[in-house]
Amino acid sequence: MVFDGIVLSFIVGFLRKGNLRALAQLKLKWGWVFPLLLIVELAVFKLQNGSKFLGQISGYIYIVVYVFGLLFLYINRKNPGFILILIGVFLNFLVMVLNGGRMPVSVDAAAVLDSSYIKVLKESLYAKHTMLTSSSHLGILGDVIPISDPYPRTQVISIGDIIMNIGIFFFIQYLMVHHPLAKKVKILPVSLKGGEKG
């Protein structure tokens, strides 16, 4: 869902005649943290089902990843939209912490997905997700919102995902449309034709 929000934000930004000048000059504190956390999360996702030990501790790894992600967002909170992103990520983090480091997924909501996903969800680990049951805590914050046609990508998202993507939208709109660099108009030098006096 985050990828969708980013793509949509850029499309709207260009439709509003925005540009990427500010994005090219973007400097965030702890900017190295985000790609590092992404690499760790992808590595755990790829390897956890092949390693019993990694599968057992992967929930804790996801929690640590979220903690560092929240710290990154907090120290950069003055950027437009980052408070909303922080709130959205925190809501996802909260429900995961209360459910052993896993995001509860509603089986009813997941009915819009391929049936093989539900089978894997019930029988084994699937990334950082687990099946939502009556014993799940704060299940309302889990992946309980189905999205399907006419939306181009069928998926199940959480309330936190929605809030986070609204924040991402505001941030990218600021960078592309409202940032001083985005507003800066390049003034081309006026060339004087032969015979004209300056």
C-alpha atoms as a PDB file:
ATOM      1  CA  MET A   1       0.000   0.000   0.000  1.00  0.00           C
ATOM      2  CA  VAL A   2       2.887   2.372   0.720  1.00  0.00           C
ATOM      3  CA  PHE A   3       4.191   1.923  -2.826  1.00  0.00           C
ATOM      4  CA  ASP A   4       0.718   2.732  -4.185  1.00  0.00           C
ATOM      5  CA  GLY A   5       0.542   5.892  -2.095  1.00  0.00           C
ATOM      6  CA  ILE A   6       3.936   7.076  -3.318  1.00  0.00           C
ATOM      7  CA  VAL A   7       3.076   6.481  -6.984  1.00  0.00           C
ATOM      8  CA  LEU A   8      -0.299   8.232  -6.633  1.00  0.00           C
ATOM      9  CA  SER A   9       1.353  11.173  -4.880  1.00  0.00           C
ATOM     10  CA  PHE A  10       3.848  11.644  -7.708  1.00  0.00           C
ATOM     11  CA  ILE A  11       1.114  11.420 -10.348  1.00  0.00           C
ATOM     12  CA  VAL A  12      -0.977  14.073  -8.583  1.00  0.00           C
ATOM     13  CA  GLY A  13       2.121  16.201  -8.069  1.00  0.00           C
ATOM     14  CA  PHE A  14       2.886  16.212 -11.795  1.00  0.00           C
ATOM     15  CA  LEU A  15      -0.761  16.916 -12.643  1.00  0.00           C
ATOM     16  CA  ARG A  16      -0.465  19.960 -10.383  1.00  0.00           C
ATOM     17  CA  LYS A  17       2.545  21.039 -12.479  1.00  0.00           C
ATOM     18  CA  GLY A  18       4.954  20.115  -9.707  1.00  0.00           C
ATOM     19  CA  ASN A  19       8.577  19.075 -10.185  1.00  0.00           C
ATOM     20  CA  LEU A  20      11.312  17.040  -8.523  1.00  0.00           C
ATOM     21  CA  ARG A  21      13.795  19.833  -7.831  1.00  0.00           C
ATOM     22  CA  ALA A  22      13.221  19.752  -4.061  1.00  0.00           C
ATOM     23  CA  LEU A  23      13.293  15.951  -4.003  1.00  0.00           C
ATOM     24  CA  ALA A  24      16.774  15.983  -5.498  1.00  0.00           C
ATOM     25  CA  GLN A  25      17.956  18.204  -2.634  1.00  0.00           C
ATOM     26  CA  LEU A  26      16.082  16.324   0.111  1.00  0.00           C
ATOM     27  CA  LYS A  27      18.096  15.757   3.250  1.00  0.00           C
ATOM     28  CA  LEU A  28      16.612  13.799   6.165  1.00  0.00           C
ATOM     29  CA  LYS A  29      18.275  13.108   9.494  1.00  0.00           C
ATOM     30  CA  TRP A  30      19.288   9.466   9.755  1.00  0.00           C
ATOM     31  CA  GLY A  31      18.551   9.163   6.051  1.00  0.00           C
ATOM     32  CA  TRP A  32      20.526   5.905   5.894  1.00  0.00           C
ATOM     33  CA  VAL A  33      18.156   4.190   8.341  1.00  0.00           C
ATOM     34  CA  PHE A  34      15.218   3.685   5.965  1.00  0.00           C
ATOM     35  CA  PRO A  35      17.063   1.694   3.240  1.00  0.00           C
ATOM     36  CA  LEU A  36      18.846  -0.357   5.928  1.00  0.00           C
ATOM     37  CA  LEU A  37      15.563  -1.272   7.632  1.00  0.00           C
ATOM     38  CA  LEU A  38      14.054  -2.161   4.260  1.00  0.00           C
ATOM     39  CA  ILE A  39      16.955  -4.527   3.505  1.00  0.00           C
ATOM     40  CA  VAL A  40      16.614  -6.207   6.927  1.00  0.00           C
ATOM     41  CA  GLU A  41      12.855  -6.647   6.532  1.00  0.00           C
ATOM     42  CA  LEU A  42      13.189  -8.093   3.019  1.00  0.00           C
ATOM     43  CA  ALA A  43      15.955 -10.468   4.162  1.00  0.00           C
ATOM     44  CA  VAL A  44      13.828 -11.775   7.037  1.00  0.00           C
ATOM     45  CA  PHE A  45      10.848 -12.170   4.701  1.00  0.00           C
ATOM     46  CA  LYS A  46      12.896 -14.249   2.248  1.00  0.00           C
ATOM     47  CA  LEU A  47      14.617 -16.448   4.831  1.00  0.00           C
ATOM     48  CA  GLN A  48      12.211 -16.919   7.757  1.00  0.00           C
ATOM     49  CA  ASN A  49      10.262 -19.862   6.338  1.00  0.00           C
ATOM     50  CA  GLY A  50      13.484 -21.709   5.556  1.00  0.00           C
ATOM     51  CA  SER A  51      14.896 -21.322   9.060  1.00  0.00           C
ATOM     52  CA  LYS A  52      13.009 -22.478  12.146  1.00  0.00           C
ATOM     53  CA  PHE A  53      15.086 -20.254  14.427  1.00  0.00           C
ATOM     54  CA  LEU A  54      14.650 -17.166  12.241  1.00  0.00           C
ATOM     55  CA  GLY A  55      10.944 -17.908  11.984  1.00  0.00           C
ATOM     56  CA  GLN A  56      10.698 -17.981  15.782  1.00  0.00           C
ATOM     57  CA  ILE A  57      12.482 -14.665  16.304  1.00  0.00           C
ATOM     58  CA  SER A  58      11.318 -12.846  13.165  1.00  0.00           C
ATOM     59  CA  GLY A  59       8.454 -11.195  15.049  1.00  0.00           C
ATOM     60  CA  TYR A  60      10.959  -9.570  17.407  1.00  0.00           C
ATOM     61  CA  ILE A  61      13.077  -8.450  14.462  1.00  0.00           C
ATOM     62  CA  TYR A  62      10.049  -6.754  12.908  1.00  0.00           C
ATOM     63  CA  ILE A  63       9.407  -4.952  16.196  1.00  0.00           C
ATOM     64  CA  VAL A  64      13.010  -3.682  16.294  1.00  0.00           C
ATOM     65  CA  VAL A  65      12.682  -2.525  12.666  1.00  0.00           C
ATOM     66  CA  TYR A  66       9.526  -0.603  13.578  1.00  0.00           C
ATOM     67  CA  VAL A  67      11.183   0.980  16.628  1.00  0.00           C
ATOM     68  CA  PHE A  68      14.025   2.377  14.528  1.00  0.00           C
ATOM     69  CA  GLY A  69      11.531   3.436  11.856  1.00  0.00           C
ATOM     70  CA  LEU A  70       9.512   5.345  14.451  1.00  0.00           C
ATOM     71  CA  LEU A  71      12.669   7.038  15.747  1.00  0.00           C
ATOM     72  CA  PHE A  72      13.563   8.067  12.197  1.00  0.00           C
ATOM     73  CA  LEU A  73      10.095   9.565  11.680  1.00  0.00           C
ATOM     74  CA  TYR A  74      10.138  11.304  15.058  1.00  0.00           C
ATOM     75  CA  ILE A  75      13.444  13.115  14.528  1.00  0.00           C
ATOM     76  CA  ASN A  76      12.186  14.221  11.103  1.00  0.00           C
ATOM     77  CA  ARG A  77       8.690  15.100  12.361  1.00  0.00           C
ATOM     78  CA  LYS A  78       8.957  18.774  11.344  1.00  0.00           C
ATOM     79  CA  ASN A  79       8.654  17.777   7.694  1.00  0.00           C
ATOM     80  CA  PRO A  80       5.087  18.241   6.357  1.00  0.00           C
ATOM     81  CA  GLY A  81       3.091  15.017   6.605  1.00  0.00           C
ATOM     82  CA  PHE A  82       5.573  13.230   8.854  1.00  0.00           C
ATOM     83  CA  ILE A  83       3.340  13.444  11.951  1.00  0.00           C
ATOM     84  CA  LEU A  84       0.614  11.571  10.055  1.00  0.00           C
ATOM     85  CA  ILE A  85       3.143   9.034   8.786  1.00  0.00           C
ATOM     86  CA  LEU A  86       4.388   8.615  12.363  1.00  0.00           C
ATOM     87  CA  ILE A  87       0.841   8.062  13.673  1.00  0.00           C
ATOM     88  CA  GLY A  88       0.068   5.520  10.947  1.00  0.00           C
ATOM     89  CA  VAL A  89       3.277   3.568  11.526  1.00  0.00           C
ATOM     90  CA  PHE A  90       2.730   3.683  15.294  1.00  0.00           C
ATOM     91  CA  LEU A  91      -0.770   2.195  14.956  1.00  0.00           C
ATOM     92  CA  ASN A  92       0.650  -0.670  12.872  1.00  0.00           C
ATOM     93  CA  PHE A  93       3.488  -1.064  15.366  1.00  0.00           C
ATOM     94  CA  LEU A  94       1.076  -1.123  18.325  1.00  0.00           C
ATOM     95  CA  VAL A  95      -1.110  -3.904  16.962  1.00  0.00           C
ATOM     96  CA  MET A  96       1.959  -5.916  15.947  1.00  0.00           C
ATOM     97  CA  VAL A  97       3.570  -5.607  19.392  1.00  0.00           C
ATOM     98  CA  LEU A  98       0.360  -6.799  21.028  1.00  0.00           C
ATOM     99  CA  ASN A  99       0.256  -9.803  18.680  1.00  0.00           C
ATOM    100  CA  GLY A 100       3.786 -11.155  18.934  1.00  0.00           C
ATOM    101  CA  GLY A 101       5.334  -8.989  16.237  1.00  0.00           C
ATOM    102  CA  ARG A 102       2.775 -10.016  13.593  1.00  0.00           C
ATOM    103  CA  MET A 103       0.118  -7.989  11.795  1.00  0.00           C
ATOM    104  CA  PRO A 104      -3.286  -9.692  12.204  1.00  0.00           C
ATOM    105  CA  VAL A 105      -5.094 -10.200   8.891  1.00  0.00           C
ATOM    106  CA  SER A 106      -8.848 -10.727   8.674  1.00  0.00           C
ATOM    107  CA  VAL A 107      -9.643 -13.903   6.748  1.00  0.00           C
ATOM    108  CA  ASP A 108     -12.948 -12.375   5.648  1.00  0.00           C
ATOM    109  CA  ALA A 109     -11.182  -9.288   4.276  1.00  0.00           C
ATOM    110  CA  ALA A 110      -8.502 -11.471   2.677  1.00  0.00           C
ATOM    111  CA  ALA A 111     -11.214 -13.240   0.658  1.00  0.00           C
ATOM    112  CA  VAL A 112     -10.511 -10.684  -2.089  1.00  0.00           C
ATOM    113  CA  LEU A 113      -7.004 -12.141  -2.401  1.00  0.00           C
ATOM    114  CA  ASP A 114      -5.830 -15.377  -3.979  1.00  0.00           C
ATOM    115  CA  SER A 115      -7.012 -18.416  -1.994  1.00  0.00           C
ATOM    116  CA  SER A 116      -3.413 -19.616  -1.683  1.00  0.00           C
ATOM    117  CA  TYR A 117      -2.644 -16.572   0.476  1.00  0.00           C
ATOM    118  CA  ILE A 118      -5.297 -17.546   3.015  1.00  0.00           C
ATOM    119  CA  LYS A 119      -4.005 -21.124   3.048  1.00  0.00           C
ATOM    120  CA  VAL A 120      -0.451 -19.985   3.753  1.00  0.00           C
ATOM    121  CA  LEU A 121      -1.724 -17.511   6.351  1.00  0.00           C
ATOM    122  CA  LYS A 122      -3.471 -20.314   8.229  1.00  0.00           C
ATOM    123  CA  GLU A 123      -0.704 -22.882   7.979  1.00  0.00           C
ATOM    124  CA  SER A 124       2.586 -21.005   8.207  1.00  0.00           C
ATOM    125  CA  LEU A 125       4.319 -17.661   8.495  1.00  0.00           C
ATOM    126  CA  TYR A 126       3.674 -15.142   5.767  1.00  0.00           C
ATOM    127  CA  ALA A 127       6.112 -12.242   6.111  1.00  0.00           C
ATOM    128  CA  LYS A 128       5.003 -10.292   9.179  1.00  0.00           C
ATOM    129  CA  HIS A 129       1.349 -11.367   9.034  1.00  0.00           C
ATOM    130  CA  THR A 130      -0.770 -13.737  11.074  1.00  0.00           C
ATOM    131  CA  MET A 131      -4.422 -14.733  10.971  1.00  0.00           C
ATOM    132  CA  LEU A 132      -6.823 -12.534  12.916  1.00  0.00           C
ATOM    133  CA  THR A 133      -8.656 -14.612  15.532  1.00  0.00           C
ATOM    134  CA  SER A 134     -10.866 -13.998  18.558  1.00  0.00           C
ATOM    135  CA  SER A 135      -7.728 -13.992  20.710  1.00  0.00           C
ATOM    136  CA  SER A 136      -6.020 -11.260  18.680  1.00  0.00           C
ATOM    137  CA  HIS A 137      -5.513  -7.927  20.427  1.00  0.00           C
ATOM    138  CA  LEU A 138      -6.773  -4.653  18.917  1.00  0.00           C
ATOM    139  CA  GLY A 139      -7.795  -6.519  15.790  1.00  0.00           C
ATOM    140  CA  ILE A 140      -9.502  -3.394  14.467  1.00  0.00           C
ATOM    141  CA  LEU A 141      -6.010  -1.993  13.800  1.00  0.00           C
ATOM    142  CA  GLY A 142      -4.988  -5.038  11.770  1.00  0.00           C
ATOM    143  CA  ASP A 143      -5.339  -5.615   8.045  1.00  0.00           C
ATOM    144  CA  VAL A 144      -9.125  -5.624   7.975  1.00  0.00           C
ATOM    145  CA  ILE A 145      -9.935  -3.308   5.044  1.00  0.00           C
ATOM    146  CA  PRO A 146     -10.234  -5.094   1.660  1.00  0.00           C
ATOM    147  CA  ILE A 147      -9.502  -3.206  -1.563  1.00  0.00           C
ATOM    148  CA  SER A 148     -10.438  -4.669  -4.933  1.00  0.00           C
ATOM    149  CA  ASP A 149     -11.953  -3.618  -8.292  1.00  0.00           C
ATOM    150  CA  PRO A 150     -11.970  -0.979  -9.601  1.00  0.00           C
ATOM    151  CA  TYR A 151      -8.713  -0.375  -7.711  1.00  0.00           C
ATOM    152  CA  PRO A 152      -5.889  -1.801  -9.857  1.00  0.00           C
ATOM    153  CA  ARG A 153      -4.233  -3.792  -7.050  1.00  0.00           C
ATOM    154  CA  THR A 154      -6.241  -6.123  -4.843  1.00  0.00           C
ATOM    155  CA  GLN A 155      -5.016  -5.994  -1.249  1.00  0.00           C
ATOM    156  CA  VAL A 156      -5.964  -5.814   2.412  1.00  0.00           C
ATOM    157  CA  ILE A 157      -4.836  -2.804   4.430  1.00  0.00           C
ATOM    158  CA  SER A 158      -5.059  -1.346   7.928  1.00  0.00           C
ATOM    159  CA  ILE A 159      -6.222   1.966   9.382  1.00  0.00           C
ATOM    160  CA  GLY A 160      -2.564   2.738  10.028  1.00  0.00           C
ATOM    161  CA  ASP A 161      -1.758   2.183   6.341  1.00  0.00           C
ATOM    162  CA  ILE A 162      -4.406   4.729   5.339  1.00  0.00           C
ATOM    163  CA  ILE A 163      -3.170   7.397   7.762  1.00  0.00           C
ATOM    164  CA  MET A 164       0.437   6.739   6.762  1.00  0.00           C
ATOM    165  CA  ASN A 165      -0.349   7.129   3.059  1.00  0.00           C
ATOM    166  CA  ILE A 166      -2.208  10.388   3.664  1.00  0.00           C
ATOM    167  CA  GLY A 167       0.952  11.669   5.361  1.00  0.00           C
ATOM    168  CA  ILE A 168       3.111  10.475   2.462  1.00  0.00           C
ATOM    169  CA  PHE A 169       0.758  12.252   0.047  1.00  0.00           C
ATOM    170  CA  PHE A 170       1.050  15.561   1.927  1.00  0.00           C
ATOM    171  CA  PHE A 171       4.843  15.251   2.124  1.00  0.00           C
ATOM    172  CA  ILE A 172       5.324  14.575  -1.582  1.00  0.00           C
ATOM    173  CA  GLN A 173       2.855  17.315  -2.543  1.00  0.00           C
ATOM    174  CA  TYR A 174       4.857  19.732  -0.400  1.00  0.00           C
ATOM    175  CA  LEU A 175       8.119  18.706  -2.056  1.00  0.00           C
ATOM    176  CA  MET A 176       6.751  18.851  -5.599  1.00  0.00           C
ATOM    177  CA  VAL A 177       4.454  21.879  -5.377  1.00  0.00           C
ATOM    178  CA  HIS A 178       4.966  23.997  -2.257  1.00  0.00           C
ATOM    179  CA  HIS A 179       8.665  23.696  -1.409  1.00  0.00           C
ATOM    180  CA  PRO A 180      10.665  26.882  -2.147  1.00  0.00           C
ATOM    181  CA  LEU A 181      12.831  24.974  -4.631  1.00  0.00           C
ATOM    182  CA  ALA A 182       9.736  23.617  -6.396  1.00  0.00           C
ATOM    183  CA  LYS A 183       8.377  27.149  -6.728  1.00  0.00           C
ATOM    184  CA  LYS A 184      11.663  28.567  -7.945  1.00  0.00           C
ATOM    185  CA  VAL A 185      11.381  29.599 -11.584  1.00  0.00           C
ATOM    186  CA  LYS A 186      14.503  29.559 -13.677  1.00  0.00           C
ATOM    187  CA  ILE A 187      14.923  32.968 -15.319  1.00  0.00           C
ATOM    188  CA  LEU A 188      16.591  32.651 -18.666  1.00  0.00           C
ATOM    189  CA  PRO A 189      19.002  35.456 -19.629  1.00  0.00           C
ATOM    190  CA  VAL A 190      17.568  37.849 -22.204  1.00  0.00           C
ATOM    191  CA  SER A 191      19.669  37.878 -25.341  1.00  0.00           C
ATOM    192  CA  LEU A 192      20.005  41.198 -27.159  1.00  0.00           C
ATOM    193  CA  LYS A 193      19.558  41.162 -30.878  1.00  0.00           C
ATOM    194  CA  GLY A 194      22.060  42.933 -33.056  1.00  0.00           C
ATOM    195  CA  GLY A 195      21.554  46.688 -33.146  1.00  0.00           C
ATOM    196  CA  GLU A 196      19.600  46.823 -29.844  1.00  0.00           C
ATOM    197  CA  LYS A 197      20.955  48.898 -27.025  1.00  0.00           C
ATOM    198  CA  GLY A 198      21.146  47.551 -23.498  1.00  0.00           C
END
